[in-house]
Amino acid sequence: MSYRLSPLTLRRTPARLAIYQKLLADPSATWTVADTAAELTVNSSVETVRATLYVLAEDGILRARPHGQCLEFVLRSDGAARLRWILNQWTNGAPAICA
């Protein structure tokens, strides 16, 4: 199985790896840029988190919805499978561990 995704979604970086794992750890959660950035254990800028969440929304992995002055992001039902597929491609099937 493969998916048609943005090259930015597929480019592996420590920050993206951590963000994808964070989203998959709690697939029913609602995320904001600030919340996600604050919870990451890797050194990542708010702008990196923002760009990653927006690209995932553009690719249909996340659903973005307005909330006050910001957007909230929710993992779509098929988005979890797509993120797992990306992580599997990055790690060749080995568990992806991000400290």
N, C-alpha and C. Protein backbone atom coordinates (compact mmCIF):
# COMPACT_ATOMS: atom_id res chain seq x y z
N MET A 1 0.85 -1.17 0.00
CA MET A 1 0.00 0.00 0.00
C MET A 1 0.89 1.23 0.00
N SER A 2 0.50 2.24 -0.78
CA SER A 2 1.22 3.50 -0.76
C SER A 2 0.21 4.63 -0.84
N TYR A 3 0.67 5.81 -0.47
CA TYR A 3 -0.19 6.98 -0.44
C TYR A 3 0.45 8.10 -1.22
N ARG A 4 -0.36 8.93 -1.80
CA ARG A 4 0.15 10.12 -2.48
C ARG A 4 0.19 11.25 -1.46
N LEU A 5 1.39 11.66 -1.11
CA LEU A 5 1.58 12.66 -0.06
C LEU A 5 2.56 13.73 -0.51
N SER A 6 2.48 14.85 0.14
CA SER A 6 3.40 15.94 -0.12
C SER A 6 4.83 15.52 0.19
N PRO A 7 5.80 15.99 -0.60
CA PRO A 7 7.20 15.70 -0.27
C PRO A 7 7.59 16.18 1.13
N LEU A 8 6.97 17.26 1.61
CA LEU A 8 7.27 17.74 2.96
C LEU A 8 6.80 16.74 4.01
N THR A 9 5.68 16.09 3.77
CA THR A 9 5.19 15.08 4.71
C THR A 9 6.15 13.91 4.77
N LEU A 10 6.76 13.59 3.64
CA LEU A 10 7.61 12.41 3.56
C LEU A 10 9.06 12.67 3.95
N ARG A 11 9.48 13.94 4.04
CA ARG A 11 10.87 14.24 4.39
C ARG A 11 11.08 13.97 5.88
N ARG A 12 12.00 13.07 6.17
CA ARG A 12 12.24 12.65 7.55
C ARG A 12 13.14 13.64 8.27
N THR A 13 12.65 14.12 9.42
CA THR A 13 13.45 14.94 10.32
C THR A 13 13.14 14.47 11.73
N PRO A 14 14.02 14.73 12.69
CA PRO A 14 13.71 14.35 14.09
C PRO A 14 12.43 14.99 14.59
N ALA A 15 12.18 16.23 14.19
CA ALA A 15 10.96 16.91 14.65
C ALA A 15 9.72 16.25 14.07
N ARG A 16 9.72 15.95 12.79
CA ARG A 16 8.57 15.29 12.18
C ARG A 16 8.34 13.91 12.79
N LEU A 17 9.41 13.19 13.01
CA LEU A 17 9.29 11.87 13.64
C LEU A 17 8.61 12.00 15.00
N ALA A 18 9.03 12.97 15.79
CA ALA A 18 8.44 13.17 17.12
C ALA A 18 6.98 13.61 17.02
N ILE A 19 6.67 14.49 16.08
CA ILE A 19 5.29 14.95 15.91
C ILE A 19 4.39 13.80 15.49
N TYR A 20 4.82 13.02 14.53
CA TYR A 20 4.00 11.89 14.05
C TYR A 20 3.77 10.89 15.18
N GLN A 21 4.82 10.62 15.96
CA GLN A 21 4.66 9.69 17.08
C GLN A 21 3.71 10.25 18.13
N LYS A 22 3.79 11.56 18.39
CA LYS A 22 2.89 12.20 19.35
C LYS A 22 1.44 12.08 18.90
N LEU A 23 1.19 12.32 17.63
CA LEU A 23 -0.17 12.20 17.10
C LEU A 23 -0.68 10.76 17.21
N LEU A 24 0.17 9.80 16.90
CA LEU A 24 -0.24 8.40 16.95
C LEU A 24 -0.40 7.87 18.37
N ALA A 25 0.29 8.48 19.32
CA ALA A 25 0.20 8.03 20.71
C ALA A 25 -1.19 8.29 21.29
N ASP A 26 -1.86 9.30 20.78
CA ASP A 26 -3.22 9.63 21.25
C ASP A 26 -4.05 10.07 20.06
N PRO A 27 -4.49 9.10 19.24
CA PRO A 27 -5.16 9.44 17.98
C PRO A 27 -6.50 10.16 18.14
N SER A 28 -7.10 10.13 19.30
CA SER A 28 -8.39 10.80 19.49
C SER A 28 -8.23 12.21 20.05
N ALA A 29 -7.02 12.62 20.34
CA ALA A 29 -6.78 13.94 20.93
C ALA A 29 -6.98 15.06 19.92
N THR A 30 -7.19 16.24 20.44
CA THR A 30 -7.24 17.46 19.64
C THR A 30 -5.96 18.23 19.93
N TRP A 31 -5.29 18.69 18.88
CA TRP A 31 -3.98 19.32 19.02
C TRP A 31 -4.01 20.75 18.51
N THR A 32 -3.27 21.61 19.17
CA THR A 32 -2.97 22.94 18.64
C THR A 32 -1.47 23.00 18.42
N VAL A 33 -1.04 23.99 17.68
CA VAL A 33 0.40 24.15 17.44
C VAL A 33 1.14 24.32 18.76
N ALA A 34 0.63 25.20 19.63
CA ALA A 34 1.30 25.48 20.90
C ALA A 34 1.35 24.25 21.79
N ASP A 35 0.24 23.51 21.89
CA ASP A 35 0.21 22.29 22.71
C ASP A 35 1.21 21.26 22.21
N THR A 36 1.21 21.07 20.91
CA THR A 36 2.10 20.06 20.33
C THR A 36 3.56 20.45 20.54
N ALA A 37 3.89 21.69 20.29
CA ALA A 37 5.27 22.15 20.47
C ALA A 37 5.72 22.01 21.92
N ALA A 38 4.83 22.32 22.86
CA ALA A 38 5.17 22.25 24.28
C ALA A 38 5.40 20.82 24.75
N GLU A 39 4.75 19.85 24.12
CA GLU A 39 4.84 18.47 24.57
C GLU A 39 5.96 17.67 23.91
N LEU A 40 6.60 18.22 22.92
CA LEU A 40 7.66 17.48 22.23
C LEU A 40 8.91 17.35 23.10
N THR A 41 9.58 16.23 22.98
CA THR A 41 10.81 16.01 23.74
C THR A 41 12.04 16.34 22.91
N VAL A 42 11.86 16.66 21.64
CA VAL A 42 12.99 17.07 20.79
C VAL A 42 12.96 18.58 20.65
N ASN A 43 14.10 19.14 20.37
CA ASN A 43 14.18 20.58 20.18
C ASN A 43 13.59 20.94 18.82
N SER A 44 12.41 21.53 18.84
CA SER A 44 11.72 21.88 17.61
C SER A 44 11.05 23.23 17.78
N SER A 45 11.13 24.06 16.76
CA SER A 45 10.52 25.38 16.84
C SER A 45 9.01 25.29 16.64
N VAL A 46 8.32 26.29 17.12
CA VAL A 46 6.88 26.38 16.94
C VAL A 46 6.56 26.44 15.45
N GLU A 47 7.39 27.12 14.68
CA GLU A 47 7.16 27.22 13.24
C GLU A 47 7.27 25.87 12.54
N THR A 48 8.20 25.03 13.00
CA THR A 48 8.31 23.68 12.44
C THR A 48 7.06 22.87 12.74
N VAL A 49 6.58 22.98 13.96
CA VAL A 49 5.35 22.27 14.34
C VAL A 49 4.18 22.79 13.52
N ARG A 50 4.06 24.10 13.41
CA ARG A 50 2.97 24.70 12.64
C ARG A 50 3.00 24.22 11.19
N ALA A 51 4.15 24.30 10.57
CA ALA A 51 4.27 23.88 9.17
C ALA A 51 3.92 22.40 9.01
N THR A 52 4.38 21.58 9.93
CA THR A 52 4.11 20.14 9.84
C THR A 52 2.61 19.86 9.98
N LEU A 53 1.96 20.47 10.95
CA LEU A 53 0.52 20.24 11.14
C LEU A 53 -0.28 20.75 9.94
N TYR A 54 0.11 21.89 9.38
CA TYR A 54 -0.60 22.42 8.22
C TYR A 54 -0.43 21.52 7.00
N VAL A 55 0.77 21.00 6.79
CA VAL A 55 1.00 20.10 5.65
C VAL A 55 0.22 18.80 5.84
N LEU A 56 0.19 18.28 7.07
CA LEU A 56 -0.59 17.06 7.33
C LEU A 56 -2.07 17.31 7.08
N ALA A 57 -2.55 18.49 7.41
CA ALA A 57 -3.95 18.83 7.13
C ALA A 57 -4.18 18.93 5.62
N GLU A 58 -3.24 19.54 4.91
CA GLU A 58 -3.35 19.65 3.46
C GLU A 58 -3.37 18.28 2.79
N ASP A 59 -2.60 17.35 3.34
CA ASP A 59 -2.55 15.99 2.80
C ASP A 59 -3.72 15.13 3.25
N GLY A 60 -4.61 15.68 4.08
CA GLY A 60 -5.79 14.95 4.51
C GLY A 60 -5.57 14.00 5.66
N ILE A 61 -4.42 14.08 6.31
CA ILE A 61 -4.13 13.21 7.45
C ILE A 61 -4.77 13.79 8.71
N LEU A 62 -4.72 15.11 8.83
CA LEU A 62 -5.37 15.80 9.95
C LEU A 62 -6.54 16.60 9.42
N ARG A 63 -7.49 16.85 10.30
CA ARG A 63 -8.60 17.76 10.00
C ARG A 63 -8.35 19.00 10.83
N ALA A 64 -8.36 20.17 10.18
CA ALA A 64 -8.17 21.43 10.88
C ALA A 64 -9.53 22.09 11.08
N ARG A 65 -9.74 22.63 12.28
CA ARG A 65 -10.99 23.35 12.53
C ARG A 65 -10.68 24.58 13.38
N PRO A 66 -11.38 25.67 13.11
CA PRO A 66 -11.15 26.91 13.85
C PRO A 66 -11.51 26.75 15.33
N HIS A 67 -10.69 27.37 16.16
CA HIS A 67 -10.95 27.39 17.60
C HIS A 67 -10.42 28.72 18.13
N GLY A 68 -11.31 29.68 18.32
CA GLY A 68 -10.87 31.01 18.75
C GLY A 68 -9.97 31.63 17.70
N GLN A 69 -8.78 32.03 18.14
CA GLN A 69 -7.82 32.67 17.25
C GLN A 69 -6.84 31.68 16.60
N CYS A 70 -7.05 30.40 16.82
CA CYS A 70 -6.11 29.42 16.27
C CYS A 70 -6.88 28.27 15.61
N LEU A 71 -6.15 27.30 15.17
CA LEU A 71 -6.74 26.09 14.61
C LEU A 71 -6.48 24.92 15.54
N GLU A 72 -7.43 24.02 15.60
CA GLU A 72 -7.23 22.74 16.28
C GLU A 72 -7.10 21.68 15.19
N PHE A 73 -6.31 20.67 15.48
CA PHE A 73 -6.09 19.60 14.52
C PHE A 73 -6.50 18.28 15.15
N VAL A 74 -7.19 17.47 14.36
CA VAL A 74 -7.63 16.15 14.80
C VAL A 74 -7.19 15.14 13.75
N LEU A 75 -6.68 14.02 14.20
CA LEU A 75 -6.25 12.96 13.29
C LEU A 75 -7.48 12.35 12.65
N ARG A 76 -7.52 12.31 11.34
CA ARG A 76 -8.64 11.69 10.62
C ARG A 76 -8.58 10.18 10.83
N SER A 77 -9.69 9.52 10.61
CA SER A 77 -9.74 8.07 10.86
C SER A 77 -8.72 7.31 10.03
N ASP A 78 -8.56 7.68 8.76
CA ASP A 78 -7.55 7.01 7.95
C ASP A 78 -6.18 7.64 8.08
N GLY A 79 -6.09 8.78 8.77
CA GLY A 79 -4.81 9.46 8.94
C GLY A 79 -3.82 8.68 9.77
N ALA A 80 -4.31 7.95 10.77
CA ALA A 80 -3.42 7.15 11.61
C ALA A 80 -2.73 6.07 10.78
N ALA A 81 -3.48 5.42 9.91
CA ALA A 81 -2.88 4.39 9.04
C ALA A 81 -1.85 5.01 8.11
N ARG A 82 -2.12 6.19 7.62
CA ARG A 82 -1.17 6.86 6.73
C ARG A 82 0.10 7.24 7.47
N LEU A 83 -0.03 7.75 8.70
CA LEU A 83 1.16 8.09 9.48
C LEU A 83 1.97 6.85 9.83
N ARG A 84 1.28 5.76 10.19
CA ARG A 84 2.00 4.51 10.47
C ARG A 84 2.76 4.04 9.23
N TRP A 85 2.17 4.18 8.06
CA TRP A 85 2.81 3.79 6.82
C TRP A 85 4.08 4.62 6.61
N ILE A 86 4.00 5.94 6.84
CA ILE A 86 5.17 6.80 6.69
C ILE A 86 6.28 6.37 7.66
N LEU A 87 5.94 6.17 8.93
CA LEU A 87 6.93 5.75 9.92
C LEU A 87 7.55 4.42 9.54
N ASN A 88 6.74 3.51 9.02
CA ASN A 88 7.25 2.22 8.59
C ASN A 88 8.25 2.38 7.44
N GLN A 89 7.95 3.28 6.51
CA GLN A 89 8.86 3.55 5.40
C GLN A 89 10.18 4.13 5.90
N TRP A 90 10.09 5.02 6.89
CA TRP A 90 11.29 5.66 7.43
C TRP A 90 12.16 4.68 8.20
N THR A 91 11.55 3.73 8.85
CA THR A 91 12.30 2.83 9.75
C THR A 91 12.45 1.43 9.20
N ASN A 92 12.00 1.21 7.97
CA ASN A 92 12.06 -0.12 7.36
C ASN A 92 11.42 -1.18 8.23
N GLY A 93 10.31 -0.82 8.86
CA GLY A 93 9.57 -1.76 9.67
C GLY A 93 10.03 -1.86 11.11
N ALA A 94 11.18 -1.29 11.45
CA ALA A 94 11.67 -1.31 12.84
C ALA A 94 10.90 -0.29 13.64
N PRO A 95 10.72 -0.51 14.93
CA PRO A 95 10.02 0.48 15.74
C PRO A 95 10.74 1.83 15.71
N ALA A 96 9.99 2.88 15.53
CA ALA A 96 10.57 4.22 15.53
C ALA A 96 10.60 4.74 16.95
N ILE A 97 11.79 5.01 17.44
CA ILE A 97 11.95 5.49 18.81
C ILE A 97 12.51 6.89 18.74
N CYS A 98 11.87 7.79 19.42
CA CYS A 98 12.33 9.18 19.45
C CYS A 98 12.38 9.63 20.90
N ALA A 99 13.57 9.89 21.40
CA ALA A 99 13.72 10.28 22.81
C ALA A 99 13.45 11.75 22.99
